Each structure stands twice: as C-alpha cells, then as structure tokens.
C-alpha atoms as a PDB file:
ATOM      1  CA  MET A   1     413.191 -82.397  87.663  1.00  0.00           C
ATOM      2  CA  LYS A   2     415.604 -83.754  90.244  1.00  0.00           C
ATOM      3  CA  ILE A   3     419.336 -83.028  90.373  1.00  0.00           C
ATOM      4  CA  ARG A   4     421.536 -85.405  92.327  1.00  0.00           C
ATOM      5  CA  ASP A   5     424.966 -86.961  92.455  1.00  0.00           C
ATOM      6  CA  ALA A   6     425.439 -89.702  89.880  1.00  0.00           C
ATOM      7  CA  THR A   7     425.894 -93.272  91.107  1.00  0.00           C
ATOM      8  CA  GLU A   8     427.099 -96.425  89.394  1.00  0.00           C
ATOM      9  CA  HIS A   9     423.456 -97.305  88.714  1.00  0.00           C
ATOM     10  CA  ASP A  10     423.197 -94.158  86.539  1.00  0.00           C
ATOM     11  CA  ILE A  11     426.095 -94.913  84.202  1.00  0.00           C
ATOM     12  CA  ASP A  12     423.987 -96.510  81.445  1.00  0.00           C
ATOM     13  CA  GLY A  13     421.572 -93.565  81.582  1.00  0.00           C
ATOM     14  CA  ILE A  14     424.423 -91.064  81.322  1.00  0.00           C
ATOM     15  CA  ILE A  15     425.899 -92.935  78.365  1.00  0.00           C
ATOM     16  CA  ALA A  16     422.489 -92.907  76.661  1.00  0.00           C
ATOM     17  CA  VAL A  17     422.374 -89.092  76.930  1.00  0.00           C
ATOM     18  CA  ASP A  18     425.918 -88.594  75.609  1.00  0.00           C
ATOM     19  CA  ARG A  19     426.094 -89.088  71.833  1.00  0.00           C
ATOM     20  CA  ILE A  20     429.876 -89.404  71.879  1.00  0.00           C
ATOM     21  CA  ALA A  21     429.742 -92.124  74.545  1.00  0.00           C
ATOM     22  CA  ALA A  22     427.496 -94.144  72.246  1.00  0.00           C
ATOM     23  CA  THR A  23     430.436 -94.710  69.895  1.00  0.00           C
ATOM     24  CA  GLU A  24     433.618 -94.015  71.880  1.00  0.00           C
ATOM     25  CA  GLU A  25     434.853 -96.331  74.608  1.00  0.00           C
ATOM     26  CA  THR A  26     437.197 -93.617  75.883  1.00  0.00           C
ATOM     27  CA  ARG A  27     434.213 -91.393  76.747  1.00  0.00           C
ATOM     28  CA  ARG A  28     432.458 -94.312  78.442  1.00  0.00           C
ATOM     29  CA  GLN A  29     435.598 -94.875  80.520  1.00  0.00           C
ATOM     30  CA  HIS A  30     435.649 -91.173  81.463  1.00  0.00           C
ATOM     31  CA  ILE A  31     432.003 -91.359  82.534  1.00  0.00           C
ATOM     32  CA  ARG A  32     432.667 -94.382  84.723  1.00  0.00           C
ATOM     33  CA  GLU A  33     435.668 -92.627  86.272  1.00  0.00           C
ATOM     34  CA  TRP A  34     433.768 -89.344  86.884  1.00  0.00           C
ATOM     35  CA  VAL A  35     430.996 -91.259  88.616  1.00  0.00           C
ATOM     36  CA  ARG A  36     433.464 -93.321  90.655  1.00  0.00           C
ATOM     37  CA  ARG A  37     435.256 -90.136  91.798  1.00  0.00           C
ATOM     38  CA  GLY A  38     431.988 -88.375  92.675  1.00  0.00           C
ATOM     39  CA  CYS A  39     432.476 -85.602  90.097  1.00  0.00           C
ATOM     40  CA  ALA A  40     429.255 -86.131  88.119  1.00  0.00           C
ATOM     41  CA  ILE A  41     425.740 -84.884  88.774  1.00  0.00           C
ATOM     42  CA  ILE A  42     422.634 -85.806  86.817  1.00  0.00           C
ATOM     43  CA  VAL A  43     419.171 -84.480  86.085  1.00  0.00           C
ATOM     44  CA  VAL A  44     416.362 -87.028  86.299  1.00  0.00           C
ATOM     45  CA  ILE A  45     412.889 -86.486  84.829  1.00  0.00           C
ATOM     46  CA  ASP A  46     410.293 -89.260  84.982  1.00  0.00           C
ATOM     47  CA  GLU A  47     412.953 -91.610  86.380  1.00  0.00           C
ATOM     48  CA  ARG A  48     415.186 -91.039  83.311  1.00  0.00           C
ATOM     49  CA  VAL A  49     418.584 -89.370  83.137  1.00  0.00           C
ATOM     50  CA  VAL A  50     418.180 -86.424  80.740  1.00  0.00           C
ATOM     51  CA  GLY A  51     421.402 -84.537  81.427  1.00  0.00           C
ATOM     52  CA  TYR A  52     424.657 -84.546  83.324  1.00  0.00           C
ATOM     53  CA  ALA A  53     427.541 -82.323  84.298  1.00  0.00           C
ATOM     54  CA  VAL A  54     431.024 -82.896  85.671  1.00  0.00           C
ATOM     55  CA  LEU A  55     432.961 -80.664  88.077  1.00  0.00           C
ATOM     56  CA  GLU A  56     436.675 -81.312  88.486  1.00  0.00           C
ATOM     57  CA  TYR A  57     439.581 -79.441  90.074  1.00  0.00           C
ATOM     58  CA  THR A  58     442.224 -80.273  87.487  1.00  0.00           C
ATOM     59  CA  PHE A  59     442.440 -76.811  85.861  1.00  0.00           C
ATOM     60  CA  PHE A  60     445.210 -75.099  87.859  1.00  0.00           C
ATOM     61  CA  SER A  61     443.398 -76.389  90.980  1.00  0.00           C
ATOM     62  CA  TYR A  62     440.290 -74.326  90.164  1.00  0.00           C
ATOM     63  CA  GLY A  63     436.828 -75.719  89.630  1.00  0.00           C
ATOM     64  CA  PHE A  64     436.303 -76.676  85.998  1.00  0.00           C
ATOM     65  CA  ILE A  65     433.071 -77.843  84.386  1.00  0.00           C
ATOM     66  CA  SER A  66     434.536 -80.453  82.073  1.00  0.00           C
ATOM     67  CA  MET A  67     431.230 -81.793  80.769  1.00  0.00           C
ATOM     68  CA  LEU A  68     427.715 -80.390  80.421  1.00  0.00           C
ATOM     69  CA  ILE A  69     425.209 -82.309  78.308  1.00  0.00           C
ATOM     70  CA  VAL A  70     421.422 -82.212  78.139  1.00  0.00           C
ATOM     71  CA  GLN A  71     419.537 -84.650  75.923  1.00  0.00           C
ATOM     72  CA  GLU A  72     418.376 -82.778  72.829  1.00  0.00           C
ATOM     73  CA  ALA A  73     414.649 -83.345  73.446  1.00  0.00           C
ATOM     74  CA  TYR A  74     414.992 -81.666  76.872  1.00  0.00           C
ATOM     75  CA  ARG A  75     416.973 -78.583  75.861  1.00  0.00           C
ATOM     76  CA  ARG A  76     415.726 -75.022  76.390  1.00  0.00           C
ATOM     77  CA  ARG A  77     413.904 -75.978  79.589  1.00  0.00           C
ATOM     78  CA  GLY A  78     416.400 -74.574  82.093  1.00  0.00           C
ATOM     79  CA  ILE A  79     418.077 -77.921  82.734  1.00  0.00           C
ATOM     80  CA  ALA A  80     421.606 -76.827  81.803  1.00  0.00           C
ATOM     81  CA  SER A  81     421.170 -73.669  83.889  1.00  0.00           C
ATOM     82  CA  ALA A  82     420.058 -75.765  86.862  1.00  0.00           C
ATOM     83  CA  LEU A  83     423.039 -78.100  86.485  1.00  0.00           C
ATOM     84  CA  VAL A  84     425.501 -75.205  86.326  1.00  0.00           C
ATOM     85  CA  LYS A  85     423.841 -73.473  89.279  1.00  0.00           C
ATOM     86  CA  ARG A  86     424.266 -76.643  91.356  1.00  0.00           C
ATOM     87  CA  LEU A  87     427.941 -76.848  90.375  1.00  0.00           C
ATOM     88  CA  GLU A  88     428.444 -73.175  91.244  1.00  0.00           C
ATOM     89  CA  GLU A  89     426.924 -73.808  94.677  1.00  0.00           C
ATOM     90  CA  THR A  90     429.081 -76.846  95.367  1.00  0.00           C
ATOM     91  CA  CYS A  91     432.335 -75.583  93.830  1.00  0.00           C
ATOM     92  CA  ASN A  92     434.969 -75.236  96.535  1.00  0.00           C
ATOM     93  CA  THR A  93     437.046 -72.609  94.731  1.00  0.00           C
ATOM     94  CA  ALA A  94     436.230 -68.935  94.232  1.00  0.00           C
ATOM     95  CA  LYS A  95     436.676 -69.210  90.480  1.00  0.00           C
ATOM     96  CA  LEU A  96     434.859 -71.630  88.202  1.00  0.00           C
ATOM     97  CA  PHE A  97     435.977 -72.236  84.626  1.00  0.00           C
ATOM     98  CA  THR A  98     434.652 -74.120  81.627  1.00  0.00           C
ATOM     99  CA  SER A  99     435.314 -74.288  77.898  1.00  0.00           C
ATOM    100  CA  THR A 100     433.749 -75.072  74.566  1.00  0.00           C
ATOM    101  CA  ASN A 101     434.793 -75.256  70.954  1.00  0.00           C
ATOM    102  CA  GLU A 102     434.656 -72.143  68.811  1.00  0.00           C
ATOM    103  CA  SER A 103     432.209 -74.025  66.565  1.00  0.00           C
ATOM    104  CA  ASN A 104     429.718 -74.486  69.446  1.00  0.00           C
ATOM    105  CA  ALA A 105     427.739 -71.239  69.136  1.00  0.00           C
ATOM    106  CA  PRO A 106     424.816 -72.454  71.305  1.00  0.00           C
ATOM    107  CA  MET A 107     427.173 -73.133  74.240  1.00  0.00           C
ATOM    108  CA  GLN A 108     428.847 -69.746  73.782  1.00  0.00           C
ATOM    109  CA  ALA A 109     425.445 -68.025  73.902  1.00  0.00           C
ATOM    110  CA  PHE A 110     424.518 -70.071  76.963  1.00  0.00           C
ATOM    111  CA  MET A 111     427.714 -69.048  78.768  1.00  0.00           C
ATOM    112  CA  ALA A 112     426.963 -65.375  78.088  1.00  0.00           C
ATOM    113  CA  SER A 113     423.369 -65.808  79.295  1.00  0.00           C
ATOM    114  CA  ILE A 114     424.523 -67.109  82.699  1.00  0.00           C
ATOM    115  CA  SER A 115     427.193 -64.408  83.172  1.00  0.00           C
ATOM    116  CA  TYR A 116     430.339 -66.358  82.331  1.00  0.00           C
ATOM    117  CA  GLU A 117     433.100 -64.142  80.941  1.00  0.00           C
ATOM    118  CA  PRO A 118     435.466 -65.082  78.109  1.00  0.00           C
ATOM    119  CA  SER A 119     438.824 -65.992  79.608  1.00  0.00           C
ATOM    120  CA  GLY A 120     441.047 -67.118  76.751  1.00  0.00           C
ATOM    121  CA  ILE A 121     441.574 -69.342  73.733  1.00  0.00           C
ATOM    122  CA  VAL A 122     443.669 -72.468  73.296  1.00  0.00           C
ATOM    123  CA  TYR A 123     444.543 -73.542  69.788  1.00  0.00           C
ATOM    124  CA  ASN A 124     445.425 -77.034  68.555  1.00  0.00           C
ATOM    125  CA  LEU A 125     443.371 -79.159  70.946  1.00  0.00           C
ATOM    126  CA  ASP A 126     440.875 -79.977  68.190  1.00  0.00           C
ATOM    127  CA  GLU A 127     442.392 -79.273  64.797  1.00  0.00           C
ATOM    128  CA  GLY A 128     440.831 -76.185  63.228  1.00  0.00           C
ATOM    129  CA  ASP A 129     438.402 -75.625  66.129  1.00  0.00           C
ATOM    130  CA  PRO A 130     439.951 -73.589  68.973  1.00  0.00           C
ATOM    131  CA  GLU A 131     438.794 -74.079  72.557  1.00  0.00           C
ATOM    132  CA  LEU A 132     437.224 -70.992  74.158  1.00  0.00           C
ATOM    133  CA  PHE A 133     437.516 -70.708  77.937  1.00  0.00           C
ATOM    134  CA  TYR A 134     435.022 -69.022  80.259  1.00  0.00           C
ATOM    135  CA  PHE A 135     435.142 -67.931  83.886  1.00  0.00           C
ATOM    136  CA  LYS A 136     432.805 -66.881  86.680  1.00  0.00           C
ATOM    137  CA  ARG A 137     433.594 -65.819  90.236  1.00  0.00           C
ATOM    138  CA  VAL A 138     431.282 -67.975  92.346  1.00  0.00           C
ATOM    139  CA  LYS A 139     432.608 -67.098  95.817  1.00  0.00           C
ATOM    140  CA  GLU A 140     434.220 -64.045  97.367  1.00  0.00           C
END
C-alpha cells in the first residue's frame, strides 16, 4: 500500500473508485479541481488506485476532510485509517474537521474508532438526512 499526492494521471483511477463520479459530471469536475489544487491524496495497491481523500481549508479556515472513499473490495484493511492519518500529519491547522450524513452509520463508527468527536449537526443540506460534523485536535 502506497499513499501519495494525486496527479492528473490518477484522475481516471480516482473516478473509478468513486461511485458518484461514475454518473455525475459535477463530482468528476470536483475531482479534477481537487487534484489540480493539490488537495487530494490516493492509496495505490498493485498499481491501482483503491482509495482517495481530500483535505481543504474552506471550513472557517480549518482543515476539513471533504472526501474519504475506499473501494468497497478494499475496505476494513486499514486504508481509510491510513489516509486520515496522513491528512492529520499534513494538516496545517490545529483542528481538523469532517462530516458525514446521519444515514452513514459505518462512517460514524469509523470516526469514533479514530477518536474524532461529534461537533454539530447541519440540517437541510441533503433533504431528510442531516450532516453530522466531527472534530479532532491534531496539533497543539
């Protein structure tokens, strides 16, 4: 398993991992933009992209993990934990935030398992599925 910054050559591999990107041009545009801005990291196994994560500073100027996806066949192998750990190490703010939908119980359990604390709820982003925010202090 190798974690590295995503490059333009990785875009097709990232799109292949992201089920939403398979059908939504808007997500594909976001992926291209994240890679162009240097916000995306990937996990490569056997020369294949199997996961990616995005770290931005658009949430009140704090680090925010805006995307974390691991291909289903590669889940429960520590890949998401490794991606988040890398983002925690490279985050240039003391606080790191992320969010997930209330309906995403696996992500909520994952956040608890890596010591992220609940930090609030925002309603009305996705109709009927509130967004739960999480926080971790990554620097003193």
